[in-house]
Amino acid sequence: MRNKSLILFLFLIVFIAFSFPVFAAEHSHQGAHAHINLGEILSLYSAIPFIGILLSIALFPLFAPEFWHHHFGKVAAFWATVIAAPLLIIYKGAALHSFLHIMIADYVPFIILLWGLFTISGGILLRGSLRGTPIVNTIMIIIGTVLASWMGTTGAAMLLIRPFLRANNYRKNRAFMVVFFIFLVANIGGSLTPVGDPPLFLGFLHGVPFFWTFHILPHMLFAALILLAIYFVLDTYYYRKEGVKPQIDEGEKEPIRLVGSYNFIFLAGVIGSVICSGLVDWGEVNTLGIHRSIQEWARDGFIILMGILSLIFTSSKIREDNEFTWFPIQEVAYLFAGIFITMTPCLLLLLAGTKGALGFLIGAVKEPYHYFWVTGILSSFLDNAPTYLTFFTSALGKFYAGVPESTAVSKLIAENPVFLMAISAGAVFFGANTYIGNAPNFMVRSIAEEAGTPMPSFFGYMLKYSIVFLVPVFILITFIFF
């Protein structure tokens, strides 16, 4: 009881401390709330809860792991309330619309897709005497990197992470393996088609041809080859240093085979529904004041159906042997609900362009390398889809102001393609910088920890891996391509 009282007291302290500057800074804008553009009037104070939830994800597992394991959902709800309550009190309908929009239009399809791929991939089991040597591990990561552009980074990551972990369960040093898996399979590998990553799919919906993203192939190959070489060297070093060999007698060897392969049919159904939702137009439907296309709702329903069919047709024995549990998706669902809510003001500031509090940043973006780094850095912490759209729209306005979007996109591709390459590569590549940079990152980490692989903390991931290995690669890409 005392702990609950302490948590409530701390909540009130933070809530009041945050609400005061928000109320003070925004008090003069309380008229005509239903028609205001919140992004143009919100202050940078509104980003505090988003920073708070990121710090919670980073620090609680380090300093209060037991508390975090049992109460991460409450912590996420706490930060969501800290931002939602004052904005709803001040701006009422306008704030409610913004929060409903991000939850209905962004969070719901995000978590449905993640749930569908997680559920279906959990029914595909790779049996056999597969052991993680440096060569085997590198080949598995290469396969995942190739698959990512065709079945999505989430689909490829969910399909391969469990067999990858099982193949290396005898190894002592496994954290770096999972990190490079996140780098390549969960992010960089998805840069060649709109199916690969959400921002590219968004570009496809706005007129970028489906196969145009193959223009990023040189950038993707450059980054992937360097990271694969580094991974192979690291894996070889640790493999020899550990001196641990897989103990398998000749009689124990089992041929490698897939069990539950019929789940690939359901997986193809998910991917097909995603592609189809971008090719058809069945009109719109109003849900709680949020306009969303009928084909998007149909896609979400179809993904749920594919997941349910996977649960029906896949035996519980296969999922047990695959060490499948619901905890990873539960953790992601709770935490990202909080992240999406607290991220709402940040995205509104970003979408307000030069008229918002982040106008100084958006106005300074002029050269291709500016687009690459600013799009990338923001995509490391915010939803990379709206970040991509913000700078995609900015580039169109920069060169073709007043020109219809379809014409402007064609002209941008024909006359200034390097800007679109920079935006696309930045949005996809930089998602590997943090656990929250792309949907599958956090999921892979959660599955790895559940399987007994100790993963670095939020900041540990950045300081020990992404800053050390990714950032130098991005600097080289800047000098060579942008």
Protein backbone atom coordinates (compact mmCIF):
# COMPACT_ATOMS: atom_id res chain seq x y z
CA MET A 1 0.00 0.00 0.00
CA ARG A 2 2.86 2.33 0.83
CA ASN A 3 4.42 1.66 -2.60
CA LYS A 4 1.15 2.53 -4.35
CA SER A 5 0.88 5.75 -2.36
CA LEU A 6 4.46 6.65 -3.24
CA ILE A 7 3.83 6.01 -6.94
CA LEU A 8 0.66 8.13 -6.83
CA PHE A 9 2.52 10.93 -5.05
CA LEU A 10 5.34 10.88 -7.62
CA PHE A 11 2.76 10.87 -10.38
CA LEU A 12 1.11 14.01 -8.99
CA ILE A 13 4.48 15.74 -8.61
CA VAL A 14 5.48 15.03 -12.22
CA PHE A 15 2.00 15.78 -13.53
CA ILE A 16 1.90 19.20 -11.83
CA ALA A 17 5.50 20.01 -12.75
CA PHE A 18 4.82 19.24 -16.38
CA SER A 19 1.32 20.69 -16.58
CA PHE A 20 2.31 24.12 -15.21
CA PRO A 21 4.61 25.11 -18.10
CA VAL A 22 2.19 23.61 -20.60
CA PHE A 23 -0.75 25.56 -19.20
CA ALA A 24 1.37 28.70 -18.94
CA ALA A 25 2.83 28.45 -22.41
CA GLU A 26 -0.43 27.57 -24.16
CA HIS A 27 -2.99 29.57 -22.13
CA SER A 28 -3.35 32.24 -24.77
CA HIS A 29 -4.46 29.74 -27.41
CA GLN A 30 -7.67 28.46 -25.88
CA GLY A 31 -10.05 29.74 -28.54
CA ALA A 32 -11.58 27.73 -31.36
CA HIS A 33 -9.91 24.51 -30.29
CA ALA A 34 -11.66 22.38 -32.84
CA HIS A 35 -9.99 24.23 -35.72
CA ILE A 36 -6.48 24.92 -34.44
CA ASN A 37 -3.33 23.24 -35.66
CA LEU A 38 -1.78 21.95 -32.46
CA GLY A 39 1.60 21.48 -34.12
CA GLU A 40 1.86 25.22 -34.70
CA ILE A 41 1.23 26.23 -31.08
CA LEU A 42 2.62 23.44 -28.90
CA SER A 43 5.90 24.21 -27.16
CA LEU A 44 8.89 21.92 -26.82
CA TYR A 45 7.67 21.21 -23.27
CA SER A 46 5.23 18.79 -24.85
CA ALA A 47 8.13 16.46 -25.71
CA ILE A 48 9.00 15.91 -22.00
CA PRO A 49 6.76 12.83 -21.49
CA PHE A 50 8.20 11.20 -24.62
CA ILE A 51 11.69 11.72 -23.23
CA GLY A 52 10.40 10.40 -19.91
CA ILE A 53 9.15 7.13 -21.35
CA LEU A 54 12.40 6.64 -23.28
CA LEU A 55 14.39 7.17 -20.09
CA SER A 56 12.09 4.75 -18.27
CA ILE A 57 12.70 2.08 -20.93
CA ALA A 58 16.43 2.75 -20.65
CA LEU A 59 16.87 3.01 -16.87
CA PHE A 60 14.24 0.90 -15.10
CA PRO A 61 15.52 -2.43 -16.49
CA LEU A 62 18.97 -1.47 -15.15
CA PHE A 63 18.13 -0.13 -11.70
CA ALA A 64 14.75 -1.73 -10.91
CA PRO A 65 14.43 -4.82 -13.13
CA GLU A 66 11.89 -6.60 -10.92
CA PHE A 67 9.65 -3.52 -10.72
CA TRP A 68 9.94 -3.00 -14.48
CA HIS A 69 9.09 -6.59 -15.32
CA HIS A 70 5.82 -6.42 -13.40
CA HIS A 71 4.84 -2.78 -13.94
CA PHE A 72 6.12 -1.68 -17.38
CA GLY A 73 2.52 -1.27 -18.56
CA LYS A 74 1.73 1.04 -15.66
CA VAL A 75 4.85 3.12 -16.35
CA ALA A 76 3.79 3.50 -19.99
CA ALA A 77 0.27 4.49 -18.87
CA PHE A 78 1.77 7.00 -16.43
CA TRP A 79 3.70 8.90 -19.11
CA ALA A 80 0.76 8.71 -21.52
CA THR A 81 -1.48 10.29 -18.87
CA VAL A 82 1.10 13.00 -18.10
CA ILE A 83 0.84 14.28 -21.69
CA ALA A 84 -2.76 13.37 -22.55
CA ALA A 85 -4.49 14.85 -19.49
CA PRO A 86 -3.27 18.48 -19.71
CA LEU A 87 -3.65 18.63 -23.50
CA LEU A 88 -7.18 17.22 -23.32
CA ILE A 89 -8.06 19.73 -20.59
CA ILE A 90 -6.65 22.67 -22.56
CA TYR A 91 -7.49 21.78 -26.16
CA LYS A 92 -10.35 19.32 -25.68
CA GLY A 93 -11.63 18.24 -29.10
CA ALA A 94 -8.46 19.15 -31.01
CA ALA A 95 -6.26 17.13 -28.66
CA LEU A 96 -8.74 14.24 -28.56
CA HIS A 97 -8.75 14.12 -32.35
CA SER A 98 -4.94 14.03 -32.47
CA PHE A 99 -4.69 11.22 -29.94
CA LEU A 100 -7.49 9.23 -31.57
CA HIS A 101 -5.85 9.70 -34.95
CA ILE A 102 -2.49 8.30 -33.92
CA MET A 103 -4.10 5.39 -32.08
CA ILE A 104 -6.65 4.45 -34.76
CA ALA A 105 -4.66 5.29 -37.90
CA ASP A 106 -1.17 4.38 -36.68
CA TYR A 107 -1.08 2.27 -33.51
CA VAL A 108 -3.94 -0.13 -34.33
CA PRO A 109 -2.55 -1.20 -37.76
CA PHE A 110 0.97 -1.24 -36.29
CA ILE A 111 0.11 -3.67 -33.50
CA ILE A 112 -2.22 -5.78 -35.67
CA LEU A 113 0.52 -6.30 -38.27
CA LEU A 114 3.06 -7.06 -35.56
CA TRP A 115 0.68 -9.48 -33.84
CA GLY A 116 -0.12 -11.24 -37.11
CA LEU A 117 3.50 -11.73 -38.13
CA PHE A 118 4.51 -12.72 -34.59
CA THR A 119 1.71 -15.27 -34.34
CA ILE A 120 2.22 -16.81 -37.78
CA SER A 121 6.03 -16.97 -37.58
CA GLY A 122 5.70 -18.60 -34.15
CA GLY A 123 4.07 -21.56 -35.91
CA ILE A 124 7.04 -22.16 -38.22
CA LEU A 125 9.67 -24.34 -36.55
CA LEU A 126 13.13 -25.09 -37.96
CA ARG A 127 14.15 -28.51 -36.69
CA GLY A 128 17.55 -30.10 -37.12
CA SER A 129 21.11 -30.07 -35.89
CA LEU A 130 21.87 -26.49 -36.85
CA ARG A 131 24.74 -25.03 -34.85
CA GLY A 132 25.82 -21.42 -34.91
CA THR A 133 29.33 -21.22 -36.27
CA PRO A 134 30.50 -17.87 -37.72
CA ILE A 135 29.79 -19.09 -41.26
CA VAL A 136 26.33 -20.49 -40.42
CA ASN A 137 25.37 -17.35 -38.49
CA THR A 138 26.52 -15.03 -41.28
CA ILE A 139 24.57 -17.04 -43.85
CA MET A 140 21.41 -16.86 -41.69
CA ILE A 141 21.75 -13.08 -41.36
CA ILE A 142 22.31 -12.76 -45.12
CA ILE A 143 19.15 -14.80 -45.80
CA GLY A 144 17.19 -12.60 -43.40
CA THR A 145 18.59 -9.42 -44.97
CA VAL A 146 17.47 -10.58 -48.43
CA LEU A 147 14.03 -11.67 -47.20
CA ALA A 148 13.41 -8.38 -45.36
CA SER A 149 12.62 -6.40 -48.51
CA TRP A 150 10.11 -9.00 -49.70
CA MET A 151 8.31 -10.02 -46.52
CA GLY A 152 9.00 -6.92 -44.44
CA THR A 153 11.60 -6.40 -41.74
CA THR A 154 9.11 -7.55 -39.12
CA GLY A 155 8.22 -10.72 -41.02
CA ALA A 156 11.85 -11.67 -41.72
CA ALA A 157 12.93 -10.91 -38.16
CA MET A 158 10.09 -12.87 -36.54
CA LEU A 159 10.67 -15.82 -38.88
CA LEU A 160 14.40 -16.19 -38.23
CA ILE A 161 15.14 -14.90 -34.73
CA ARG A 162 14.10 -18.09 -32.90
CA PRO A 163 16.10 -20.52 -35.07
CA PHE A 164 19.02 -18.06 -34.92
CA LEU A 165 18.90 -18.05 -31.11
CA ARG A 166 18.53 -21.84 -30.87
CA ALA A 167 21.49 -22.39 -33.19
CA ASN A 168 23.63 -20.33 -30.82
CA ASN A 169 22.28 -21.46 -27.46
CA TYR A 170 25.62 -23.13 -26.65
CA ARG A 171 27.58 -19.91 -27.24
CA LYS A 172 28.65 -17.66 -24.36
CA ASN A 173 28.65 -14.28 -26.14
CA ARG A 174 25.35 -13.87 -27.97
CA ALA A 175 24.26 -10.26 -27.44
CA PHE A 176 26.34 -8.89 -30.33
CA MET A 177 24.81 -11.51 -32.63
CA VAL A 178 21.28 -10.32 -31.88
CA VAL A 179 22.34 -6.67 -32.28
CA PHE A 180 23.75 -7.27 -35.77
CA PHE A 181 20.62 -9.29 -36.56
CA ILE A 182 18.62 -6.16 -35.65
CA PHE A 183 20.93 -3.96 -37.74
CA LEU A 184 20.58 -6.01 -40.92
CA VAL A 185 17.44 -8.17 -40.83
CA ALA A 186 15.17 -5.84 -38.85
CA ASN A 187 16.22 -2.63 -40.61
CA ILE A 188 18.73 -2.21 -43.45
CA GLY A 189 17.53 -5.28 -45.33
CA GLY A 190 14.08 -3.75 -45.78
CA SER A 191 15.18 -0.86 -47.97
CA LEU A 192 14.53 -2.23 -51.47
CA THR A 193 10.72 -2.41 -51.76
CA PRO A 194 7.68 -0.70 -50.22
CA VAL A 195 6.87 -3.99 -48.50
CA GLY A 196 10.17 -3.83 -46.64
CA ASP A 197 9.52 -0.90 -44.32
CA PRO A 198 6.51 1.38 -43.55
CA PRO A 199 8.04 4.68 -44.77
CA LEU A 200 8.75 3.20 -48.20
CA PHE A 201 5.19 1.90 -48.36
CA LEU A 202 4.02 5.42 -47.53
CA GLY A 203 6.09 6.74 -50.44
CA PHE A 204 4.50 4.12 -52.69
CA LEU A 205 1.04 5.37 -51.65
CA HIS A 206 2.11 8.90 -52.61
CA GLY A 207 3.21 7.97 -56.12
CA VAL A 208 6.74 6.55 -55.85
CA PRO A 209 6.90 3.54 -58.22
CA PHE A 210 7.09 0.14 -56.50
CA PHE A 211 10.54 -0.78 -57.80
CA TRP A 212 12.03 2.73 -57.67
CA THR A 213 13.47 1.97 -54.23
CA PHE A 214 15.96 -0.37 -55.93
CA HIS A 215 17.89 2.86 -56.51
CA ILE A 216 18.95 2.45 -52.87
CA LEU A 217 20.53 -0.95 -53.67
CA PRO A 218 24.11 0.46 -53.79
CA HIS A 219 23.60 2.15 -50.42
CA MET A 220 22.06 -0.98 -48.94
CA LEU A 221 24.80 -3.27 -50.28
CA PHE A 222 27.52 -0.93 -49.05
CA ALA A 223 26.11 -0.83 -45.52
CA ALA A 224 25.22 -4.53 -45.44
CA LEU A 225 28.60 -5.77 -46.70
CA ILE A 226 30.55 -3.67 -44.20
CA LEU A 227 28.35 -4.75 -41.29
CA LEU A 228 28.43 -8.41 -42.37
CA ALA A 229 32.23 -8.29 -42.57
CA ILE A 230 32.44 -6.73 -39.10
CA TYR A 231 30.00 -9.31 -37.76
CA PHE A 232 31.94 -12.24 -39.23
CA VAL A 233 35.20 -10.96 -37.72
CA LEU A 234 33.56 -10.47 -34.30
CA ASP A 235 31.84 -13.85 -34.40
CA THR A 236 35.05 -15.62 -35.44
CA TYR A 237 36.98 -13.89 -32.65
CA TYR A 238 34.48 -14.85 -29.93
CA TYR A 239 34.02 -18.34 -31.34
CA ARG A 240 37.74 -19.03 -31.06
CA LYS A 241 38.06 -17.24 -27.72
CA GLU A 242 35.20 -19.23 -26.15
CA GLY A 243 36.60 -22.53 -27.34
CA VAL A 244 33.16 -24.07 -26.92
CA LYS A 245 32.25 -26.60 -29.57
CA PRO A 246 28.74 -27.96 -30.08
CA GLN A 247 28.60 -31.44 -28.58
CA ILE A 248 26.84 -33.53 -31.20
CA ASP A 249 27.51 -37.21 -31.73
CA GLU A 250 27.11 -38.64 -35.20
CA GLY A 251 24.02 -40.54 -34.09
CA GLU A 252 22.34 -37.40 -32.76
CA LYS A 253 22.43 -35.40 -35.96
CA GLU A 254 18.98 -34.50 -37.26
CA PRO A 255 18.40 -33.27 -40.81
CA ILE A 256 17.29 -29.67 -41.08
CA ARG A 257 13.60 -29.36 -41.95
CA LEU A 258 10.73 -26.94 -41.56
CA VAL A 259 7.68 -27.89 -39.51
CA GLY A 260 4.48 -25.89 -39.85
CA SER A 261 5.50 -24.64 -43.30
CA TYR A 262 1.80 -24.19 -44.21
CA ASN A 263 2.08 -21.00 -42.16
CA PHE A 264 3.90 -19.50 -45.14
CA ILE A 265 0.48 -19.42 -46.83
CA PHE A 266 -0.83 -17.22 -44.00
CA LEU A 267 2.36 -15.15 -44.15
CA ALA A 268 1.85 -14.63 -47.90
CA GLY A 269 -1.72 -13.60 -47.12
CA VAL A 270 -0.51 -10.89 -44.75
CA ILE A 271 2.05 -9.55 -47.24
CA GLY A 272 -0.50 -9.68 -50.08
CA SER A 273 -3.07 -7.78 -48.02
CA VAL A 274 -0.51 -5.05 -47.25
CA ILE A 275 0.32 -4.65 -50.96
CA CYS A 276 -3.34 -4.78 -51.98
CA SER A 277 -4.30 -2.06 -49.49
CA GLY A 278 -2.00 0.31 -51.36
CA LEU A 279 -3.35 -0.55 -54.82
CA VAL A 280 -7.12 -0.26 -54.36
CA ASP A 281 -9.45 2.53 -53.27
CA TRP A 282 -12.72 1.42 -51.68
CA GLY A 283 -13.56 4.75 -50.11
CA GLU A 284 -13.39 5.91 -46.50
CA VAL A 285 -15.20 5.27 -43.26
CA ASN A 286 -15.45 7.57 -40.27
CA THR A 287 -14.45 5.96 -36.96
CA LEU A 288 -14.79 8.23 -33.92
CA GLY A 289 -14.15 11.21 -36.16
CA ILE A 290 -11.09 9.66 -37.79
CA HIS A 291 -11.30 9.09 -41.54
CA ARG A 292 -9.64 5.86 -42.59
CA SER A 293 -9.89 3.98 -45.86
CA ILE A 294 -12.05 0.86 -46.05
CA GLN A 295 -9.21 -1.12 -47.62
CA GLU A 296 -7.02 -0.42 -44.58
CA TRP A 297 -9.67 -1.76 -42.22
CA ALA A 298 -10.13 -4.74 -44.54
CA ARG A 299 -6.36 -5.33 -44.49
CA ASP A 300 -6.29 -5.25 -40.68
CA GLY A 301 -9.22 -7.67 -40.48
CA PHE A 302 -7.57 -10.02 -42.97
CA ILE A 303 -4.31 -10.00 -40.99
CA ILE A 304 -6.25 -10.92 -37.84
CA LEU A 305 -7.94 -13.72 -39.79
CA MET A 306 -4.57 -15.06 -40.97
CA GLY A 307 -3.30 -15.04 -37.38
CA ILE A 308 -6.40 -16.86 -36.11
CA LEU A 309 -6.09 -19.49 -38.86
CA SER A 310 -2.45 -19.99 -37.89
CA LEU A 311 -3.51 -20.57 -34.28
CA ILE A 312 -6.21 -23.02 -35.37
CA PHE A 313 -4.11 -25.10 -37.78
CA THR A 314 -0.79 -25.08 -35.90
CA SER A 315 -0.49 -27.62 -33.09
CA SER A 316 0.41 -26.38 -29.64
CA LYS A 317 3.36 -28.82 -29.69
CA ILE A 318 5.01 -26.88 -32.53
CA ARG A 319 4.64 -23.60 -30.66
CA GLU A 320 5.96 -25.17 -27.44
CA ASP A 321 8.99 -26.56 -29.27
CA ASN A 322 9.45 -23.11 -30.81
CA GLU A 323 9.46 -21.65 -27.25
CA PHE A 324 6.57 -19.42 -28.28
CA THR A 325 4.94 -17.25 -25.58
CA TRP A 326 2.74 -14.15 -25.72
CA PHE A 327 4.92 -12.03 -23.42
CA PRO A 328 7.02 -10.31 -26.15
CA ILE A 329 3.97 -9.06 -28.05
CA GLN A 330 2.29 -8.06 -24.79
CA GLU A 331 5.33 -6.02 -23.76
CA VAL A 332 5.52 -4.32 -27.15
CA ALA A 333 1.76 -3.61 -27.17
CA TYR A 334 1.81 -1.92 -23.74
CA LEU A 335 5.02 0.04 -24.19
CA PHE A 336 4.29 1.23 -27.71
CA ALA A 337 0.81 2.35 -26.73
CA GLY A 338 2.54 4.72 -24.31
CA ILE A 339 5.18 5.62 -26.87
CA PHE A 340 2.60 6.48 -29.54
CA ILE A 341 0.61 8.67 -27.14
CA THR A 342 3.67 10.55 -25.84
CA MET A 343 5.05 10.79 -29.36
CA THR A 344 1.94 12.57 -30.66
CA PRO A 345 3.05 16.15 -29.78
CA CYS A 346 6.49 15.46 -31.28
CA LEU A 347 4.95 14.35 -34.58
CA LEU A 348 2.57 17.33 -34.57
CA LEU A 349 5.54 19.67 -34.12
CA LEU A 350 7.30 17.94 -36.96
CA LEU A 351 4.30 17.98 -39.30
CA ALA A 352 3.79 21.71 -38.61
CA GLY A 353 6.94 22.33 -40.62
CA THR A 354 8.50 25.76 -40.33
CA LYS A 355 5.43 27.07 -38.47
CA GLY A 356 6.06 24.88 -35.41
CA ALA A 357 8.60 24.92 -32.60
CA LEU A 358 10.82 22.64 -34.68
CA GLY A 359 10.69 25.04 -37.61
CA PHE A 360 14.33 26.02 -37.10
CA LEU A 361 15.33 22.41 -37.72
CA ILE A 362 13.12 21.79 -40.74
CA GLY A 363 14.10 25.12 -42.29
CA ALA A 364 17.78 24.22 -42.04
CA VAL A 365 17.34 21.03 -44.07
CA LYS A 366 18.52 21.90 -47.59
CA GLU A 367 21.17 19.53 -48.93
CA PRO A 368 20.81 15.76 -49.58
CA TYR A 369 23.02 14.90 -46.62
CA HIS A 370 20.83 17.15 -44.43
CA TYR A 371 17.79 15.10 -45.45
CA PHE A 372 19.67 11.86 -44.84
CA TRP A 373 20.81 12.74 -41.33
CA VAL A 374 17.82 14.71 -40.05
CA THR A 375 15.32 12.19 -41.38
CA GLY A 376 17.51 9.44 -39.97
CA ILE A 377 18.09 10.87 -36.51
CA LEU A 378 14.40 11.63 -36.01
CA SER A 379 13.51 8.17 -37.33
CA SER A 380 15.78 6.67 -34.67
CA PHE A 381 13.40 7.84 -31.97
CA LEU A 382 10.09 8.74 -33.64
CA ASP A 383 7.83 6.82 -35.98
CA ASN A 384 9.83 6.74 -39.23
CA ALA A 385 6.70 6.77 -41.44
CA PRO A 386 5.48 10.32 -40.60
CA THR A 387 9.11 11.48 -40.43
CA TYR A 388 9.62 10.21 -43.97
CA LEU A 389 6.40 11.89 -45.10
CA THR A 390 7.38 15.21 -43.50
CA PHE A 391 10.66 15.48 -45.37
CA PHE A 392 9.26 13.90 -48.52
CA THR A 393 6.64 16.68 -48.57
CA SER A 394 9.34 19.23 -47.68
CA ALA A 395 11.42 18.18 -50.68
CA LEU A 396 8.41 18.40 -53.01
CA GLY A 397 7.63 21.90 -51.71
CA LYS A 398 11.27 22.96 -52.00
CA PHE A 399 11.50 22.17 -55.72
CA TYR A 400 7.91 22.09 -57.00
CA ALA A 401 5.78 24.38 -54.87
CA GLY A 402 2.20 24.60 -56.17
CA VAL A 403 2.63 21.62 -58.52
CA PRO A 404 0.12 18.73 -58.08
CA GLU A 405 1.63 15.93 -55.99
CA SER A 406 1.59 13.28 -58.72
CA THR A 407 3.46 15.59 -61.10
CA ALA A 408 5.81 16.81 -58.38
CA VAL A 409 6.76 13.26 -57.38
CA SER A 410 7.54 12.36 -61.00
CA LYS A 411 9.65 15.48 -61.38
CA LEU A 412 11.50 14.85 -58.11
CA ILE A 413 12.36 11.32 -59.24
CA ALA A 414 13.47 12.49 -62.68
CA GLU A 415 15.31 15.68 -61.74
CA ASN A 416 16.37 15.41 -58.09
CA PRO A 417 16.34 11.70 -57.18
CA VAL A 418 19.22 12.03 -54.72
CA PHE A 419 16.93 13.86 -52.27
CA LEU A 420 14.40 11.02 -52.27
CA MET A 421 17.22 8.49 -51.92
CA ALA A 422 18.54 10.39 -48.91
CA ILE A 423 15.11 10.55 -47.26
CA SER A 424 14.36 6.87 -47.96
CA ALA A 425 17.75 5.58 -46.81
CA GLY A 426 17.73 7.78 -43.71
CA ALA A 427 14.26 6.63 -42.64
CA VAL A 428 15.09 2.92 -43.06
CA PHE A 429 18.78 2.68 -42.08
CA PHE A 430 18.67 4.84 -38.95
CA GLY A 431 15.83 2.78 -37.51
CA ALA A 432 18.59 0.42 -36.34
CA ASN A 433 20.05 3.07 -34.03
CA THR A 434 17.73 2.35 -31.08
CA TYR A 435 15.42 -0.37 -29.83
CA ILE A 436 12.39 1.79 -30.68
CA GLY A 437 13.64 2.93 -34.09
CA ASN A 438 11.69 0.22 -35.91
CA ALA A 439 8.87 -2.11 -34.91
CA PRO A 440 10.78 -5.43 -34.87
CA ASN A 441 13.78 -4.12 -32.90
CA PHE A 442 12.08 -4.21 -29.52
CA MET A 443 10.37 -7.49 -30.36
CA VAL A 444 13.67 -9.17 -31.26
CA ARG A 445 15.21 -7.92 -28.03
CA SER A 446 12.29 -9.22 -25.99
CA ILE A 447 12.39 -12.67 -27.65
CA ALA A 448 16.17 -12.86 -27.16
CA GLU A 449 15.92 -12.00 -23.46
CA GLU A 450 13.12 -14.50 -22.98
CA ALA A 451 15.37 -17.14 -24.58
CA GLY A 452 18.15 -16.38 -22.09
CA THR A 453 20.31 -13.99 -24.08
CA PRO A 454 21.25 -10.96 -21.94
CA MET A 455 20.74 -7.89 -24.12
CA PRO A 456 22.29 -4.44 -23.65
CA SER A 457 20.19 -1.67 -22.13
CA PHE A 458 18.63 1.08 -24.24
CA PHE A 459 21.70 3.31 -23.88
CA GLY A 460 24.07 0.34 -23.83
CA TYR A 461 22.76 -0.66 -27.26
CA MET A 462 23.51 2.81 -28.58
CA LEU A 463 26.87 3.39 -26.88
CA LYS A 464 28.34 -0.08 -27.43
CA TYR A 465 26.91 -0.87 -30.84
CA SER A 466 24.98 1.64 -32.95
CA ILE A 467 27.32 4.60 -32.35
CA VAL A 468 30.40 2.38 -32.69
CA PHE A 469 29.38 0.41 -35.78
CA LEU A 470 26.43 2.08 -37.50
CA VAL A 471 27.28 5.76 -37.32
CA PRO A 472 30.71 5.36 -39.03
CA VAL A 473 29.00 3.42 -41.83
CA PHE A 474 26.42 6.21 -42.20
CA ILE A 475 29.21 8.78 -42.35
CA LEU A 476 30.87 6.82 -45.17
CA ILE A 477 27.52 6.58 -47.00
CA THR A 478 27.16 10.36 -46.65
CA PHE A 479 30.53 11.05 -48.27
CA ILE A 480 30.10 8.48 -51.04
CA PHE A 481 26.44 8.92 -51.99
CA PHE A 482 25.11 12.22 -50.59
